[in-house]
Amino acid sequence: MKKILLVLVVGAGLFSGALLFAAGNSPDTTEYDEDTYGPKAPIIWVKPVRSVVFEHKIHTMDAGLSCDSCHDSLFEMESGAAEQKDDFTMATLYKGGYCGSCHDGSTAFASNTRCTSCHIGVRGHARLSGEVGAEAKSH
């Protein structure tokens, strides 16, 4: 009888734990609203190096930043404006400009670490932009 009771208690505990785990890992069903969170499509920069991907969703919806966290103090609202500036370089980011304002190792990962979080390279650019045959040309 004690063994049956022990099995029931352990089973109930495991089942409860599984339910709690599943509840905590349910997918976010919040609808993405471009007016609130910015464009859904990723921005692909080719400067300072080809290719860097930026997704508004990660920064706004997921991290809780508002549009005015970056616009217009760090980035102009106009698409592509940052790439036209001479100081839009990795050196500027490392000194706290543009993305480096938050990606300083304290607020968010430092801009000189975790490179592949943003840098997708030539092949990644080809996949996102739909360039046919670009993978073969990169070797």
N, C-alpha and C. Protein backbone atom coordinates (compact mmCIF):
# COMPACT_ATOMS: atom_id res chain seq x y z
N MET A 1 0.81 -1.19 0.00
CA MET A 1 0.00 0.00 0.00
C MET A 1 0.86 1.26 0.00
N LYS A 2 1.97 1.20 0.78
CA LYS A 2 2.86 2.35 0.84
C LYS A 2 3.49 2.63 -0.52
N LYS A 3 3.82 1.57 -1.25
CA LYS A 3 4.43 1.74 -2.58
C LYS A 3 3.45 2.40 -3.54
N ILE A 4 2.20 2.01 -3.49
CA ILE A 4 1.18 2.58 -4.37
C ILE A 4 1.01 4.06 -4.05
N LEU A 5 0.95 4.39 -2.78
CA LEU A 5 0.81 5.77 -2.35
C LEU A 5 2.01 6.59 -2.81
N LEU A 6 3.21 6.05 -2.66
CA LEU A 6 4.43 6.73 -3.08
C LEU A 6 4.42 6.97 -4.59
N VAL A 7 4.01 5.98 -5.36
CA VAL A 7 3.94 6.12 -6.81
C VAL A 7 2.92 7.21 -7.18
N LEU A 8 1.79 7.25 -6.51
CA LEU A 8 0.78 8.27 -6.79
C LEU A 8 1.28 9.67 -6.45
N VAL A 9 1.96 9.83 -5.33
CA VAL A 9 2.47 11.14 -4.92
C VAL A 9 3.55 11.61 -5.89
N VAL A 10 4.48 10.73 -6.23
CA VAL A 10 5.55 11.09 -7.18
C VAL A 10 4.96 11.39 -8.55
N GLY A 11 4.02 10.59 -8.99
CA GLY A 11 3.37 10.82 -10.28
C GLY A 11 2.63 12.16 -10.32
N ALA A 12 1.92 12.46 -9.24
CA ALA A 12 1.20 13.74 -9.18
C ALA A 12 2.19 14.90 -9.19
N GLY A 13 3.29 14.75 -8.49
CA GLY A 13 4.31 15.80 -8.48
C GLY A 13 4.91 16.01 -9.86
N LEU A 14 5.25 14.93 -10.54
CA LEU A 14 5.81 15.04 -11.89
C LEU A 14 4.81 15.65 -12.85
N PHE A 15 3.55 15.24 -12.75
CA PHE A 15 2.52 15.78 -13.63
C PHE A 15 2.32 17.27 -13.38
N SER A 16 2.28 17.68 -12.10
CA SER A 16 2.14 19.10 -11.76
C SER A 16 3.31 19.91 -12.28
N GLY A 17 4.51 19.36 -12.13
CA GLY A 17 5.70 20.04 -12.63
C GLY A 17 5.66 20.21 -14.14
N ALA A 18 5.21 19.19 -14.83
CA ALA A 18 5.11 19.26 -16.29
C ALA A 18 4.09 20.32 -16.71
N LEU A 19 2.97 20.40 -16.00
CA LEU A 19 1.97 21.42 -16.32
C LEU A 19 2.50 22.82 -16.09
N LEU A 20 3.20 23.02 -14.98
CA LEU A 20 3.77 24.33 -14.69
C LEU A 20 4.83 24.71 -15.73
N PHE A 21 5.65 23.75 -16.12
CA PHE A 21 6.68 24.00 -17.14
C PHE A 21 6.03 24.38 -18.46
N ALA A 22 5.00 23.64 -18.85
CA ALA A 22 4.32 23.93 -20.12
C ALA A 22 3.64 25.29 -20.08
N ALA A 23 3.06 25.65 -18.96
CA ALA A 23 2.39 26.95 -18.85
C ALA A 23 3.39 28.09 -18.95
N GLY A 24 4.57 27.90 -18.42
CA GLY A 24 5.59 28.95 -18.46
C GLY A 24 6.27 29.06 -19.80
N ASN A 25 6.14 28.07 -20.66
CA ASN A 25 6.80 28.08 -21.96
C ASN A 25 5.82 28.12 -23.12
N SER A 26 4.63 28.64 -22.87
CA SER A 26 3.66 28.72 -23.96
C SER A 26 4.06 29.84 -24.91
N PRO A 27 3.80 29.65 -26.20
CA PRO A 27 4.17 30.68 -27.18
C PRO A 27 3.39 31.97 -26.95
N ASP A 28 4.04 33.09 -27.24
CA ASP A 28 3.40 34.40 -27.10
C ASP A 28 2.40 34.55 -28.23
N THR A 29 1.17 34.82 -27.87
CA THR A 29 0.12 34.94 -28.88
C THR A 29 -0.23 36.39 -29.16
N THR A 30 0.56 37.34 -28.61
CA THR A 30 0.31 38.75 -28.87
C THR A 30 0.53 39.03 -30.35
N GLU A 31 -0.43 39.69 -30.96
CA GLU A 31 -0.34 40.02 -32.38
C GLU A 31 0.67 41.15 -32.59
N TYR A 32 1.47 41.04 -33.63
CA TYR A 32 2.46 42.06 -33.94
C TYR A 32 1.78 43.22 -34.65
N ASP A 33 1.97 44.42 -34.10
CA ASP A 33 1.36 45.63 -34.65
C ASP A 33 2.48 46.56 -35.10
N GLU A 34 2.60 46.76 -36.41
CA GLU A 34 3.68 47.59 -36.96
C GLU A 34 3.59 49.04 -36.50
N ASP A 35 2.40 49.54 -36.25
CA ASP A 35 2.26 50.92 -35.76
C ASP A 35 2.84 51.08 -34.36
N THR A 36 2.78 50.02 -33.58
CA THR A 36 3.30 50.06 -32.21
C THR A 36 4.76 49.65 -32.15
N TYR A 37 5.14 48.60 -32.89
CA TYR A 37 6.46 47.99 -32.75
C TYR A 37 7.43 48.26 -33.89
N GLY A 38 7.00 48.93 -34.94
CA GLY A 38 7.88 49.19 -36.08
C GLY A 38 7.70 48.13 -37.15
N PRO A 39 8.38 48.31 -38.29
CA PRO A 39 8.23 47.37 -39.40
C PRO A 39 8.53 45.93 -39.00
N LYS A 40 7.72 45.01 -39.49
CA LYS A 40 7.92 43.59 -39.17
C LYS A 40 9.09 43.01 -39.95
N ALA A 41 9.26 43.46 -41.18
CA ALA A 41 10.35 42.94 -42.02
C ALA A 41 11.70 43.40 -41.46
N PRO A 42 12.68 42.52 -41.47
CA PRO A 42 14.00 42.92 -40.96
C PRO A 42 14.65 43.98 -41.84
N ILE A 43 15.44 44.82 -41.21
CA ILE A 43 16.26 45.79 -41.94
C ILE A 43 17.61 45.12 -42.16
N ILE A 44 18.10 45.18 -43.39
CA ILE A 44 19.40 44.58 -43.69
C ILE A 44 20.35 45.70 -44.10
N TRP A 45 21.32 45.97 -43.23
CA TRP A 45 22.32 46.98 -43.55
C TRP A 45 23.48 46.34 -44.28
N VAL A 46 24.04 47.06 -45.23
CA VAL A 46 25.23 46.59 -45.93
C VAL A 46 26.45 47.44 -45.56
N LYS A 47 26.23 48.42 -44.68
CA LYS A 47 27.32 49.22 -44.17
C LYS A 47 27.11 49.33 -42.66
N PRO A 48 28.09 49.25 -41.83
CA PRO A 48 29.51 49.34 -42.12
C PRO A 48 30.11 48.08 -42.74
N VAL A 49 29.46 46.94 -42.56
CA VAL A 49 29.91 45.71 -43.23
C VAL A 49 28.67 45.00 -43.75
N ARG A 50 28.84 44.21 -44.79
CA ARG A 50 27.74 43.45 -45.35
C ARG A 50 27.65 42.14 -44.59
N SER A 51 26.68 41.75 -44.06
CA SER A 51 25.32 42.20 -43.94
C SER A 51 24.93 42.11 -42.47
N VAL A 52 24.27 43.13 -42.00
CA VAL A 52 23.81 43.18 -40.62
C VAL A 52 22.30 43.24 -40.64
N VAL A 53 21.67 42.40 -39.84
CA VAL A 53 20.21 42.37 -39.80
C VAL A 53 19.74 43.00 -38.49
N PHE A 54 18.69 43.80 -38.60
CA PHE A 54 18.06 44.43 -37.44
C PHE A 54 16.58 44.12 -37.48
N GLU A 55 16.05 43.65 -36.36
CA GLU A 55 14.62 43.38 -36.28
C GLU A 55 14.00 44.22 -35.17
N HIS A 56 13.04 45.04 -35.56
CA HIS A 56 12.36 45.89 -34.58
C HIS A 56 11.70 45.05 -33.48
N LYS A 57 11.11 43.90 -33.85
CA LYS A 57 10.39 43.07 -32.89
C LYS A 57 11.25 42.70 -31.69
N ILE A 58 12.48 42.33 -31.93
CA ILE A 58 13.38 41.92 -30.85
C ILE A 58 13.59 43.07 -29.88
N HIS A 59 13.68 44.28 -30.40
CA HIS A 59 13.99 45.44 -29.57
C HIS A 59 12.75 46.07 -28.94
N THR A 60 11.62 46.05 -29.64
CA THR A 60 10.42 46.71 -29.13
C THR A 60 9.50 45.72 -28.41
N MET A 61 8.92 44.81 -29.14
CA MET A 61 7.95 43.89 -28.57
C MET A 61 8.59 42.97 -27.53
N ASP A 62 9.76 42.42 -27.84
CA ASP A 62 10.40 41.46 -26.93
C ASP A 62 11.14 42.14 -25.78
N ALA A 63 11.90 43.20 -26.07
CA ALA A 63 12.71 43.86 -25.03
C ALA A 63 11.98 45.01 -24.35
N GLY A 64 10.85 45.44 -24.90
CA GLY A 64 10.06 46.48 -24.26
C GLY A 64 10.51 47.91 -24.52
N LEU A 65 11.36 48.12 -25.52
CA LEU A 65 11.78 49.48 -25.86
C LEU A 65 10.69 50.16 -26.68
N SER A 66 10.61 51.47 -26.58
CA SER A 66 9.67 52.22 -27.41
C SER A 66 10.43 52.78 -28.60
N CYS A 67 9.71 53.24 -29.59
CA CYS A 67 10.34 53.79 -30.80
C CYS A 67 11.29 54.94 -30.46
N ASP A 68 10.87 55.79 -29.51
CA ASP A 68 11.71 56.94 -29.19
C ASP A 68 12.94 56.59 -28.35
N SER A 69 13.11 55.32 -28.03
CA SER A 69 14.37 54.89 -27.39
C SER A 69 15.53 55.08 -28.36
N CYS A 70 15.27 54.92 -29.65
CA CYS A 70 16.32 55.04 -30.67
C CYS A 70 16.07 56.19 -31.64
N HIS A 71 14.78 56.43 -31.94
CA HIS A 71 14.45 57.46 -32.92
C HIS A 71 14.02 58.73 -32.21
N ASP A 72 14.50 59.80 -32.52
CA ASP A 72 15.43 60.27 -33.51
C ASP A 72 16.79 60.59 -32.90
N SER A 73 17.05 60.17 -31.68
CA SER A 73 18.32 60.49 -31.05
C SER A 73 19.48 59.67 -31.61
N LEU A 74 19.30 58.38 -31.82
CA LEU A 74 20.37 57.52 -32.34
C LEU A 74 20.23 57.28 -33.85
N PHE A 75 19.02 57.10 -34.28
CA PHE A 75 18.73 56.82 -35.69
C PHE A 75 17.62 57.72 -36.16
N GLU A 76 17.79 58.30 -37.35
CA GLU A 76 16.71 59.05 -37.97
C GLU A 76 15.64 58.05 -38.38
N MET A 77 14.42 58.50 -38.47
CA MET A 77 13.32 57.63 -38.84
C MET A 77 13.41 57.20 -40.31
N GLU A 78 14.05 58.01 -41.11
CA GLU A 78 14.17 57.72 -42.55
C GLU A 78 15.01 56.47 -42.79
N SER A 79 14.48 55.54 -43.54
CA SER A 79 15.17 54.30 -43.85
C SER A 79 16.47 54.55 -44.61
N GLY A 80 17.54 53.95 -44.16
CA GLY A 80 18.83 54.05 -44.83
C GLY A 80 19.65 55.27 -44.48
N ALA A 81 19.13 56.17 -43.65
CA ALA A 81 19.83 57.42 -43.34
C ALA A 81 21.15 57.16 -42.60
N ALA A 82 21.17 56.20 -41.69
CA ALA A 82 22.39 55.92 -40.92
C ALA A 82 23.52 55.44 -41.83
N GLU A 83 23.19 54.61 -42.79
CA GLU A 83 24.21 54.06 -43.70
C GLU A 83 24.90 55.15 -44.53
N GLN A 84 24.24 56.26 -44.71
CA GLN A 84 24.79 57.35 -45.51
C GLN A 84 25.81 58.19 -44.73
N LYS A 85 25.85 58.02 -43.43
CA LYS A 85 26.74 58.84 -42.60
C LYS A 85 28.14 58.24 -42.54
N ASP A 86 29.15 59.10 -42.60
CA ASP A 86 30.53 58.65 -42.57
C ASP A 86 30.90 57.97 -41.26
N ASP A 87 30.24 58.36 -40.16
CA ASP A 87 30.59 57.77 -38.86
C ASP A 87 29.81 56.50 -38.54
N PHE A 88 29.03 55.98 -39.48
CA PHE A 88 28.32 54.72 -39.25
C PHE A 88 29.30 53.58 -39.48
N THR A 89 30.13 53.35 -38.48
CA THR A 89 31.21 52.35 -38.55
C THR A 89 31.19 51.52 -37.28
N MET A 90 31.88 50.38 -37.33
CA MET A 90 32.00 49.55 -36.13
C MET A 90 32.77 50.30 -35.05
N ALA A 91 33.75 51.09 -35.41
CA ALA A 91 34.51 51.87 -34.42
C ALA A 91 33.58 52.80 -33.64
N THR A 92 32.63 53.42 -34.34
CA THR A 92 31.68 54.30 -33.67
C THR A 92 30.78 53.51 -32.72
N LEU A 93 30.36 52.33 -33.16
CA LEU A 93 29.54 51.48 -32.29
C LEU A 93 30.31 51.11 -31.03
N TYR A 94 31.58 50.75 -31.19
CA TYR A 94 32.41 50.37 -30.04
C TYR A 94 32.56 51.53 -29.06
N LYS A 95 32.45 52.76 -29.56
CA LYS A 95 32.58 53.94 -28.70
C LYS A 95 31.23 54.41 -28.16
N GLY A 96 30.17 53.66 -28.43
CA GLY A 96 28.86 53.99 -27.87
C GLY A 96 27.92 54.70 -28.81
N GLY A 97 28.25 54.80 -30.08
CA GLY A 97 27.35 55.42 -31.05
C GLY A 97 26.39 54.40 -31.64
N TYR A 98 25.29 54.91 -32.16
CA TYR A 98 24.29 54.07 -32.82
C TYR A 98 23.91 52.87 -31.94
N CYS A 99 24.04 51.65 -32.45
CA CYS A 99 23.67 50.44 -31.70
C CYS A 99 24.48 50.32 -30.41
N GLY A 100 25.72 50.82 -30.44
CA GLY A 100 26.60 50.74 -29.28
C GLY A 100 26.13 51.53 -28.09
N SER A 101 25.12 52.38 -28.28
CA SER A 101 24.56 53.13 -27.17
C SER A 101 23.97 52.18 -26.12
N CYS A 102 23.34 51.12 -26.57
CA CYS A 102 22.81 50.09 -25.66
C CYS A 102 23.68 48.84 -25.66
N HIS A 103 24.24 48.52 -26.83
CA HIS A 103 25.07 47.31 -26.93
C HIS A 103 26.46 47.63 -26.43
N ASP A 104 26.51 47.84 -25.09
CA ASP A 104 27.73 48.27 -24.41
C ASP A 104 28.25 47.23 -23.42
N GLY A 105 27.61 46.08 -23.36
CA GLY A 105 28.01 45.04 -22.43
C GLY A 105 27.31 45.16 -21.09
N SER A 106 26.60 46.26 -20.88
CA SER A 106 25.89 46.47 -19.63
C SER A 106 24.38 46.45 -19.87
N THR A 107 23.91 47.30 -20.76
CA THR A 107 22.49 47.34 -21.10
C THR A 107 22.11 46.12 -21.94
N ALA A 108 22.93 45.82 -22.93
CA ALA A 108 22.75 44.65 -23.79
C ALA A 108 24.14 44.13 -24.14
N PHE A 109 24.20 42.98 -24.79
CA PHE A 109 25.52 42.42 -25.12
C PHE A 109 26.36 43.46 -25.88
N ALA A 110 27.65 43.47 -25.62
CA ALA A 110 28.55 44.45 -26.24
C ALA A 110 28.62 44.25 -27.74
N SER A 111 28.76 45.35 -28.46
CA SER A 111 28.78 45.29 -29.93
C SER A 111 30.03 44.60 -30.47
N ASN A 112 31.02 44.36 -29.64
CA ASN A 112 32.21 43.63 -30.10
C ASN A 112 32.19 42.17 -29.62
N THR A 113 31.01 41.68 -29.23
CA THR A 113 30.83 40.28 -28.85
C THR A 113 29.61 39.73 -29.59
N ARG A 114 29.46 38.44 -29.60
CA ARG A 114 28.29 37.78 -30.20
C ARG A 114 28.02 38.30 -31.60
N CYS A 115 29.05 38.38 -32.40
CA CYS A 115 28.97 38.99 -33.74
C CYS A 115 27.84 38.42 -34.59
N THR A 116 27.67 37.10 -34.54
CA THR A 116 26.68 36.47 -35.42
C THR A 116 25.24 36.70 -34.98
N SER A 117 25.05 37.39 -33.86
CA SER A 117 23.68 37.76 -33.48
C SER A 117 23.13 38.79 -34.46
N CYS A 118 23.99 39.60 -35.03
CA CYS A 118 23.57 40.66 -35.96
C CYS A 118 24.16 40.46 -37.36
N HIS A 119 25.41 40.04 -37.43
CA HIS A 119 26.09 39.88 -38.71
C HIS A 119 25.72 38.54 -39.32
N ILE A 120 25.05 38.61 -40.46
CA ILE A 120 24.59 37.38 -41.12
C ILE A 120 25.44 37.01 -42.32
N GLY A 121 26.33 37.88 -42.73
CA GLY A 121 27.25 37.58 -43.82
C GLY A 121 26.62 37.57 -45.19
N VAL A 122 27.42 37.24 -46.16
CA VAL A 122 27.00 37.24 -47.56
C VAL A 122 25.91 36.20 -47.80
N ARG A 123 26.08 35.01 -47.25
CA ARG A 123 25.08 33.95 -47.46
C ARG A 123 23.75 34.31 -46.81
N GLY A 124 23.81 34.84 -45.60
CA GLY A 124 22.58 35.26 -44.92
C GLY A 124 21.87 36.36 -45.69
N HIS A 125 22.66 37.29 -46.22
CA HIS A 125 22.08 38.36 -47.03
C HIS A 125 21.41 37.79 -48.27
N ALA A 126 22.05 36.82 -48.90
CA ALA A 126 21.47 36.20 -50.09
C ALA A 126 20.15 35.51 -49.76
N ARG A 127 20.10 34.80 -48.63
CA ARG A 127 18.86 34.12 -48.23
C ARG A 127 17.74 35.13 -47.96
N LEU A 128 18.04 36.19 -47.21
CA LEU A 128 17.00 37.16 -46.87
C LEU A 128 16.55 38.01 -48.05
N SER A 129 17.47 38.31 -48.95
CA SER A 129 17.12 39.18 -50.07
C SER A 129 16.64 38.39 -51.29
N GLY A 130 16.74 37.07 -51.24
CA GLY A 130 16.26 36.24 -52.32
C GLY A 130 17.18 36.19 -53.54
N GLU A 131 18.45 36.55 -53.34
CA GLU A 131 19.40 36.48 -54.45
C GLU A 131 19.65 35.03 -54.83
N VAL A 132 19.46 34.71 -56.08
CA VAL A 132 19.65 33.35 -56.58
C VAL A 132 21.10 33.16 -56.99
N GLY A 133 21.70 32.07 -56.55
CA GLY A 133 23.06 31.75 -56.95
C GLY A 133 24.13 32.51 -56.19
N ALA A 134 23.77 33.36 -55.24
CA ALA A 134 24.76 34.15 -54.49
C ALA A 134 25.61 33.25 -53.60
N GLU A 135 25.03 32.13 -53.13
CA GLU A 135 25.79 31.22 -52.28
C GLU A 135 26.99 30.66 -53.04
N ALA A 136 26.78 30.31 -54.29
CA ALA A 136 27.86 29.74 -55.08
C ALA A 136 28.95 30.76 -55.36
N LYS A 137 28.59 32.03 -55.54
CA LYS A 137 29.57 33.08 -55.82
C LYS A 137 30.41 33.44 -54.62
N SER A 138 29.94 33.11 -53.40
CA SER A 138 30.65 33.54 -52.20
C SER A 138 31.89 32.69 -51.93
N HIS A 139 32.08 31.58 -52.64
CA HIS A 139 33.26 30.76 -52.40
C HIS A 139 34.31 30.97 -53.46
